[in-house]
Amino acid sequence: MALFKGSSVFVGFSIRFCLLLALIMSSHAATARNFEVLHGFSDGNDGGSPLGSLIIDNAGNLYGTAAGGGGVRDAGVVFKLAPNGTETVLHSFDLTDGSNPEAALITDQVGNFYSTTYQGSGCCGEVFKLAPDGTLTVLYSFCSQANCSDGASSYSGVVSDSSGNLYGTTYSGGGSCSCGVVYKLSTNGSETVLHAFAGSPSDGAGPFASLKLDKKGNLYGTTDVGGANGDGTVFKMRADGTETLLHSFDLNDGFYPTAGLISDSTGNLYGTTYFGGAYSEGVVFKLAADGAETVLYSFTGTSDGAHPAASLILDKGNLYGTTSSGGDLNCGNGIGCGTVFQLATNGALTVLHTFKGVKDGADPVASVTLRGNRLYGMTRSAGADGYGTVFALKK
């Protein structure tokens, strides 16, 4: 009797174990189906090492830049990726028209693309326009004035107002401090420096990310360093160049904000810092209209990721983003290949994907783009040929 009872328990356990195993295997299979590599860069004619985010059109075509590759000059490309994964290089930079595009594109109503290159025919980068037929026009070359007072070396893209004026930042230049500038580029190609950063306790230095433009014409952005504690800032700038320092980071609440800002319907700003927080691995923060900051999440550097370098997106109350490292610490580089995450506004984080390196890519430093229920993004390195990937992921 006792033997029969024990056998029943064993049989019942075996059935439950098998069901659990099947459920786990099914879950892994579903996860695998949720993630897809659309393109692997080879650093050849197709480009390599993408850093900027993607944009998407109504037909599902993706557009972006890659900082390297693009033929004999290896100066980077602008590309289009069809929904079936077919890539078309729209333009290969050849140094004379710029090199190393590191920022995302924007587009106007007639299909022209606008962005920047980190370097150019001179030393310090350019703002360009790319027509639908592939014709590239250099709108402005930086460091064309004495001491690079007009700015130099732009990592960030541009934003546009309703009149077609472009606004952006350069990481350096701007006079004796060379701490970077906020600039306006009119439709006739003339540049106005709205603000040259001073790097003082009351100002920032080194704006790395693109700006956010609100309906009133105010610009919002971040600087990597500077501010009261030297750990970076969030700033607001009026169209006339008047700057208000909204927040100075203090290491505990974040340090080195390399990403741009987004906002919700009530005017709260959201962003990330690369370092700082409870574990020094970076944070996601919220900044109220009155400047009060809340750290929504501090990354631990383990399975949840580390060092978020990209801007966030907001959808139905959840934030989505990437971390450039952390996740699977055994992915091949010893520090983790990064993650894609969802963060509820109450601070609950869900890892949607952990990068493994060789197959799916590593080091995602660009934000994700949402269309329907799919997130699209890029990794800077790894993948089949080692130079990054374009991926899609169901959220």
Foldseek 3Di string as FASTA:
>chain_A
DVVVVVVVVVVVVVVVVVVVVVVVVVVVVVLVVQKDFLDDDQLELQAFQAAEWWDADPQGKIWFKHQAYRHDQRFIFIWIAHPNSDIDTLDGDRQQAAGGQHYGWDADPQGKIWWKHQQHVPGFIFIWIAHPNSDIDTLDDFPPDPQSLLAGGANETWDADPQGKTWWKHQAHNPDQRQIFIWIADPNSDIDTLDRFDLEQQTAGGFHYTWDADPQGKIWGKHQAGHNQRFIFIWIAHPNSDIDTLDDDHQQLAGGFNETWDADPQGKIWGKHQAGHPQRFIFIWIADPNSDIDTLEDDNQEQQAGGAQYGWDDDPQKIKWKHQAHRPCVLPPNRFFIFIWIAHSNNDIDTSDGDNFAAAEGGFRYTWDDDDQKTWGKHRFHHPNTRITIMIGGD
